[in-house]
Protein backbone atom coordinates (compact mmCIF):
# COMPACT_ATOMS: atom_id res chain seq x y z
CA MET A 1 -69.84 36.89 46.02
CA GLU A 2 -68.51 40.33 45.15
CA ALA A 3 -71.66 41.79 46.68
CA TRP A 4 -70.23 40.91 50.11
CA ARG A 5 -67.01 42.87 49.58
CA GLY A 6 -68.45 46.09 50.99
CA GLN A 7 -69.59 44.31 54.16
CA VAL A 8 -66.11 42.81 54.52
CA GLU A 9 -64.50 46.24 54.17
CA ASP A 10 -66.81 47.77 56.78
CA ALA A 11 -66.19 44.92 59.21
CA LEU A 12 -62.41 45.15 58.74
CA ARG A 13 -62.34 48.85 59.52
CA GLU A 14 -64.55 48.36 62.57
CA ALA A 15 -62.46 45.43 63.82
CA VAL A 16 -59.27 47.48 64.13
CA ARG A 17 -60.86 50.52 65.76
CA SER A 18 -59.11 51.37 69.02
CA ASP A 19 -59.61 53.96 71.76
CA ASP A 20 -56.16 55.18 70.71
CA ALA A 21 -56.58 57.15 67.46
CA TYR A 22 -52.91 56.68 66.57
CA LEU A 23 -53.14 52.91 66.84
CA THR A 24 -56.34 52.94 64.79
CA GLU A 25 -54.55 54.91 62.06
CA VAL A 26 -51.57 52.55 61.95
CA ALA A 27 -53.68 49.38 62.13
CA SER A 28 -55.98 50.67 59.37
CA HIS A 29 -53.16 51.67 57.02
CA LEU A 30 -53.10 48.58 54.80
CA ILE A 31 -56.85 48.08 55.04
CA LEU A 32 -57.40 51.52 53.55
CA ALA A 33 -54.78 50.76 50.88
CA GLY A 34 -57.20 48.19 49.47
CA GLY A 35 -56.82 44.55 48.52
CA LYS A 36 -58.61 41.72 46.80
CA ARG A 37 -59.90 40.28 50.11
CA VAL A 38 -59.61 36.79 48.65
CA ARG A 39 -59.45 35.08 52.04
CA PRO A 40 -62.66 36.52 53.54
CA LEU A 41 -64.43 35.95 50.23
CA PHE A 42 -63.25 32.32 50.36
CA ALA A 43 -64.91 31.98 53.76
CA ILE A 44 -68.14 33.47 52.42
CA ALA A 45 -68.08 31.39 49.23
CA SER A 46 -67.41 28.23 51.24
CA ALA A 47 -70.47 28.75 53.42
CA ALA A 48 -72.56 29.44 50.33
CA ALA A 49 -71.14 26.41 48.50
CA GLY A 50 -72.47 24.22 51.30
CA GLY A 51 -75.92 25.77 51.11
CA ALA A 52 -75.60 27.95 54.21
CA ASP A 53 -76.84 31.50 54.55
CA VAL A 54 -74.09 34.12 54.60
CA THR A 55 -74.63 35.57 58.07
CA ASP A 56 -72.76 38.34 59.85
CA GLU A 57 -70.86 35.61 61.71
CA VAL A 58 -69.62 34.08 58.45
CA VAL A 59 -68.37 37.50 57.34
CA LEU A 60 -66.62 37.97 60.69
CA GLY A 61 -64.96 34.59 60.31
CA GLY A 62 -63.50 35.73 57.01
CA VAL A 63 -62.45 39.05 58.55
CA ALA A 64 -60.53 37.20 61.28
CA VAL A 65 -58.53 35.37 58.63
CA GLU A 66 -57.84 38.58 56.72
CA LEU A 67 -56.57 40.25 59.90
CA VAL A 68 -54.09 37.40 60.38
CA HIS A 69 -52.96 37.88 56.78
CA LEU A 70 -52.56 41.64 57.27
CA GLY A 71 -50.71 41.19 60.55
CA SER A 72 -48.28 38.85 58.84
CA LEU A 73 -47.69 41.47 56.11
CA TYR A 74 -46.78 44.07 58.76
CA HIS A 75 -44.21 41.66 60.18
CA ASP A 76 -42.94 40.57 56.74
CA ASP A 77 -42.28 44.16 55.75
CA VAL A 78 -40.14 44.65 58.84
CA ILE A 79 -38.16 41.51 58.04
CA ASP A 80 -37.73 42.53 54.38
CA GLU A 81 -37.19 46.23 55.17
CA ALA A 82 -39.82 46.87 52.50
CA PRO A 83 -40.39 50.55 51.67
CA THR A 84 -43.83 50.05 50.11
CA ARG A 85 -46.80 47.71 50.22
CA ARG A 86 -49.82 47.82 47.90
CA THR A 87 -48.44 50.96 46.21
CA VAL A 88 -48.38 52.93 49.48
CA GLU A 89 -45.64 53.54 52.02
CA SER A 90 -45.22 50.52 54.26
CA VAL A 91 -46.04 50.82 57.96
CA ASN A 92 -42.41 50.24 58.95
CA ALA A 93 -41.17 52.89 56.52
CA ARG A 94 -43.69 55.45 57.76
CA TRP A 95 -43.79 54.79 61.49
CA GLY A 96 -40.76 52.60 62.19
CA ASN A 97 -40.16 48.91 62.86
CA LEU A 98 -41.29 48.88 66.49
CA THR A 99 -44.65 50.44 65.67
CA ALA A 100 -45.09 48.08 62.72
CA ILE A 101 -44.40 45.02 64.88
CA LEU A 102 -46.79 46.15 67.61
CA ALA A 103 -49.49 47.04 65.09
CA GLY A 104 -49.09 43.62 63.49
CA ASP A 105 -49.49 42.05 66.94
CA PHE A 106 -52.61 44.17 67.46
CA LEU A 107 -54.13 42.82 64.23
CA LEU A 108 -53.40 39.24 65.30
CA ALA A 109 -54.98 39.96 68.70
CA LYS A 110 -58.10 41.37 67.06
CA ALA A 111 -58.31 38.32 64.80
CA SER A 112 -58.10 36.05 67.85
CA GLU A 113 -60.78 38.08 69.64
CA ILE A 114 -63.17 37.66 66.72
CA ALA A 115 -62.38 33.95 66.45
CA ALA A 116 -63.10 33.46 70.14
CA SER A 117 -66.51 35.07 69.68
CA LEU A 118 -67.30 32.44 67.03
CA GLY A 119 -66.62 29.44 69.26
CA THR A 120 -63.80 27.32 70.60
CA GLU A 121 -63.33 25.34 67.39
CA VAL A 122 -62.76 28.48 65.33
CA ALA A 123 -60.52 30.00 68.01
CA GLY A 124 -58.37 26.87 68.19
CA LEU A 125 -58.18 26.60 64.41
CA LEU A 126 -57.04 30.20 63.97
CA ALA A 127 -54.44 29.88 66.74
CA ALA A 128 -53.05 26.72 65.13
CA THR A 129 -52.93 28.48 61.76
CA ILE A 130 -50.92 31.38 63.16
CA GLY A 131 -48.48 28.77 64.44
CA ARG A 132 -48.29 27.18 60.98
CA LEU A 133 -47.58 30.58 59.42
CA CYS A 134 -44.65 31.05 61.78
CA GLU A 135 -43.34 27.54 61.09
CA GLY A 136 -43.50 28.14 57.35
CA GLU A 137 -41.68 31.46 57.58
CA VAL A 138 -38.99 30.04 59.88
CA GLY A 139 -38.53 27.09 57.52
CA GLU A 140 -37.97 29.53 54.68
CA LEU A 141 -35.54 31.67 56.67
CA ARG A 142 -33.50 28.64 57.70
CA THR A 143 -32.88 27.69 54.07
CA ALA A 144 -31.97 31.17 52.82
CA TYR A 145 -29.16 31.00 50.21
CA ASP A 146 -29.12 27.21 50.51
CA VAL A 147 -28.59 25.72 47.03
CA GLY A 148 -29.21 22.33 48.60
CA ARG A 149 -32.76 23.25 49.63
CA THR A 150 -35.07 20.35 48.83
CA GLU A 151 -38.47 20.46 47.19
CA THR A 152 -39.84 18.82 50.32
CA ALA A 153 -38.61 21.77 52.38
CA TYR A 154 -40.09 24.19 49.84
CA PHE A 155 -43.52 22.54 49.83
CA SER A 156 -43.56 22.40 53.63
CA ALA A 157 -42.74 26.10 53.87
CA ILE A 158 -45.38 27.27 51.40
CA GLU A 159 -48.02 25.03 52.96
CA GLY A 160 -47.38 26.78 56.26
CA LYS A 161 -46.89 30.37 55.17
CA THR A 162 -49.53 30.52 52.42
CA ALA A 163 -51.76 27.49 51.88
CA SER A 164 -52.72 27.00 55.53
CA LEU A 165 -54.43 30.40 55.65
CA PHE A 166 -56.51 29.71 52.54
CA ALA A 167 -57.48 26.33 54.01
CA THR A 168 -58.46 27.99 57.28
CA ALA A 169 -60.56 30.62 55.50
CA CYS A 170 -62.58 27.90 53.79
CA ARG A 171 -62.83 25.80 56.95
CA ILE A 172 -64.02 28.70 59.09
CA GLY A 173 -66.68 29.55 56.52
CA ALA A 174 -67.85 25.95 56.64
CA ILE A 175 -67.78 25.70 60.44
CA VAL A 176 -69.59 28.97 61.08
CA GLY A 177 -72.05 28.13 58.30
CA GLY A 178 -72.89 24.86 60.05
CA LEU A 179 -71.90 22.65 57.12
CA SER A 180 -71.53 18.88 57.38
CA ARG A 181 -68.18 17.34 58.27
CA GLU A 182 -67.85 15.99 54.72
CA ALA A 183 -68.41 19.43 53.20
CA THR A 184 -66.06 21.05 55.71
CA GLU A 185 -63.24 18.63 54.88
CA ALA A 186 -63.83 19.06 51.14
CA LEU A 187 -63.61 22.83 51.41
CA THR A 188 -60.51 22.62 53.59
CA THR A 189 -58.85 20.45 50.95
CA PHE A 190 -59.88 22.96 48.30
CA GLY A 191 -58.33 25.85 50.23
CA LEU A 192 -55.08 24.02 50.90
CA SER A 193 -54.70 22.89 47.28
CA TYR A 194 -55.58 26.34 45.97
CA GLY A 195 -53.05 27.92 48.32
CA MET A 196 -50.27 25.62 47.10
CA ALA A 197 -51.06 26.46 43.47
CA PHE A 198 -51.32 30.16 44.32
CA GLN A 199 -47.85 30.29 45.87
CA ILE A 200 -46.20 28.32 43.09
CA VAL A 201 -47.70 30.66 40.49
CA ASP A 202 -46.53 33.63 42.54
CA ASP A 203 -43.03 32.16 42.64
CA VAL A 204 -43.06 31.59 38.88
CA LEU A 205 -44.09 35.21 38.32
CA ASP A 206 -41.18 36.38 40.46
CA VAL A 207 -38.74 34.92 37.92
CA THR A 208 -40.71 35.55 34.71
CA ALA A 209 -42.63 38.83 35.08
CA THR A 210 -41.27 42.34 34.74
CA GLU A 211 -40.87 44.87 37.52
CA ALA A 212 -43.79 46.84 36.10
CA GLU A 213 -46.02 43.74 36.20
CA LEU A 214 -44.95 42.72 39.70
CA GLY A 215 -44.89 46.13 41.33
CA LYS A 216 -41.50 45.20 42.79
CA PRO A 217 -38.09 44.25 41.34
CA ALA A 218 -38.09 41.01 39.35
CA GLY A 219 -36.16 38.18 40.97
CA HIS A 220 -36.72 39.52 44.48
CA ASP A 221 -36.71 36.01 45.93
CA LEU A 222 -33.38 35.21 44.27
CA VAL A 223 -31.89 38.37 45.74
CA GLU A 224 -33.18 37.41 49.19
CA GLY A 225 -31.88 33.85 48.84
CA VAL A 226 -35.35 32.29 48.78
CA TYR A 227 -34.97 29.51 46.24
CA THR A 228 -38.45 28.60 45.04
CA LEU A 229 -39.72 25.69 42.96
CA PRO A 230 -38.67 26.98 39.49
CA VAL A 231 -35.23 27.85 40.87
CA LEU A 232 -34.80 24.49 42.61
CA ARG A 233 -35.64 22.69 39.38
CA ALA A 234 -33.36 24.95 37.38
CA LEU A 235 -30.52 24.17 39.79
CA VAL A 236 -30.79 20.56 38.65
CA ALA A 237 -31.12 21.32 34.94
CA ALA A 238 -29.13 24.51 34.27
CA ASP A 239 -25.33 24.47 34.04
CA GLY A 240 -23.75 27.41 35.81
CA LEU A 241 -26.72 28.44 37.95
CA ARG A 242 -25.44 26.82 41.14
CA ASP A 243 -22.18 28.78 40.87
CA ARG A 244 -24.12 32.06 40.76
CA LEU A 245 -26.29 31.36 43.81
CA GLY A 246 -25.64 30.66 47.49
CA ARG A 247 -24.99 34.35 48.19
CA PRO A 248 -26.57 37.76 47.54
CA ILE A 249 -26.55 38.75 43.86
CA GLU A 250 -27.55 41.83 41.90
CA GLY A 251 -27.08 43.55 38.56
CA ALA A 252 -25.66 41.46 35.74
CA GLU A 253 -25.39 38.35 37.94
CA LEU A 254 -29.08 38.53 38.77
CA THR A 255 -30.00 39.01 35.11
CA GLU A 256 -27.90 35.99 34.11
CA ALA A 257 -29.38 33.85 36.89
CA LEU A 258 -32.94 34.76 35.87
CA SER A 259 -32.14 33.93 32.26
CA LEU A 260 -30.89 30.48 33.29
CA VAL A 261 -34.01 29.81 35.37
CA ARG A 262 -36.26 30.79 32.46
CA SER A 263 -34.47 28.85 29.74
CA ASN A 264 -34.31 25.21 30.81
CA GLY A 265 -37.91 24.03 31.34
CA ALA A 266 -37.96 24.63 35.08
CA VAL A 267 -40.70 27.24 34.80
CA THR A 268 -42.86 24.93 32.69
CA GLY A 269 -42.33 22.12 35.18
CA ALA A 270 -43.24 24.32 38.13
CA LEU A 271 -46.42 25.46 36.39
CA ALA A 272 -47.33 21.83 35.71
CA THR A 273 -47.09 21.17 39.46
CA ALA A 274 -49.29 24.21 40.11
CA HIS A 275 -51.85 22.82 37.64
CA ASP A 276 -51.82 19.51 39.55
CA TYR A 277 -52.69 21.33 42.78
CA ALA A 278 -55.33 23.37 40.98
CA ALA A 279 -56.91 20.19 39.60
CA ALA A 280 -56.98 18.74 43.12
CA ALA A 281 -58.73 21.91 44.33
CA ILE A 282 -61.41 21.63 41.66
CA THR A 283 -61.93 17.93 42.39
CA ALA A 284 -62.37 18.68 46.08
CA LEU A 285 -65.49 20.69 45.26
CA ASP A 286 -67.25 17.70 43.67
CA PRO A 287 -69.29 16.76 46.80
CA LEU A 288 -70.71 20.29 47.08
CA GLN A 289 -73.81 21.61 45.41
CA ASP A 290 -73.47 23.75 42.32
CA GLY A 291 -74.30 27.37 42.83
CA GLU A 292 -72.78 30.81 43.17
CA GLY A 293 -70.38 29.86 45.97
CA ALA A 294 -68.86 26.84 44.24
CA ALA A 295 -68.75 28.68 40.91
CA TRP A 296 -66.88 31.57 42.51
CA LEU A 297 -64.31 29.21 44.02
CA ARG A 298 -63.77 27.47 40.68
CA GLY A 299 -63.39 30.85 39.04
CA ALA A 300 -60.71 31.79 41.55
CA VAL A 301 -58.69 28.78 40.42
CA ASP A 302 -59.03 29.77 36.76
CA GLN A 303 -57.84 33.29 37.54
CA LEU A 304 -54.58 31.95 38.97
CA PHE A 305 -53.29 30.98 35.57
CA ALA A 306 -54.67 34.07 33.88
CA ARG A 307 -51.99 35.90 35.87
CA VAL A 308 -49.30 33.82 34.16
CA ALA A 309 -50.86 34.09 30.72
CA ALA A 310 -51.02 37.85 31.04
């Protein structure tokens, strides 16, 4: 599957080309900064896992999903006032919030244009996914600093803001590849389950990894009042944690809160839930033929937990 990465990169750069050189520069900023391109590769691997040829249209389907992801990052960085992204200056820091918002909108528009060229089903699916991303983010914002946030609210938010896009990447690859309905549903389930596991692992790393490992300050979600699965479980198990949360924290308070989250089994429990989702993702691939595509998708699941082990 890695052989397709170069084609993905070329198609991404071409997709955001505008008659306005300034807009092209801004819209290309994070593309040129690099990235794993997991979502477009999921679309490609999904088509291959169902026995389809990887056509230019399959690649474009994956590119549409990646453009939605990138557009959401432009908007997220404005919300978070982030100074950097992917080791480079963020768009909002370099060009200002208004330009970042408009460039993010431009990326979403380009994604929608590509989706429309691939048929009404793909266009409708991508539009619905953008809606789910917004719902997930709003759900997270509404529960900021809420020590009473439920796991149900957490799972709903991460399904919208993260897992839905992985599911859509797989589904678009299947649709454009002309796969059967059974294979399409199986791959969609894989993507959704993978995305849930991915976000839980990411949330665990936020409270267990170092700043050097994360590329950002440890405990960023705690500082922002985003109480993720390990934190929610620690709130039940750890004496004193609830008194420290519900408001912005920093310094010694943040260090103490992170220590409480790490020391009571909440992290282990959250990882067990991530493993459950990962197992569901692997099981979803059972109806598909063995081959490079399915093997690559299974490998992506394995790599999730390598991040934690490292």
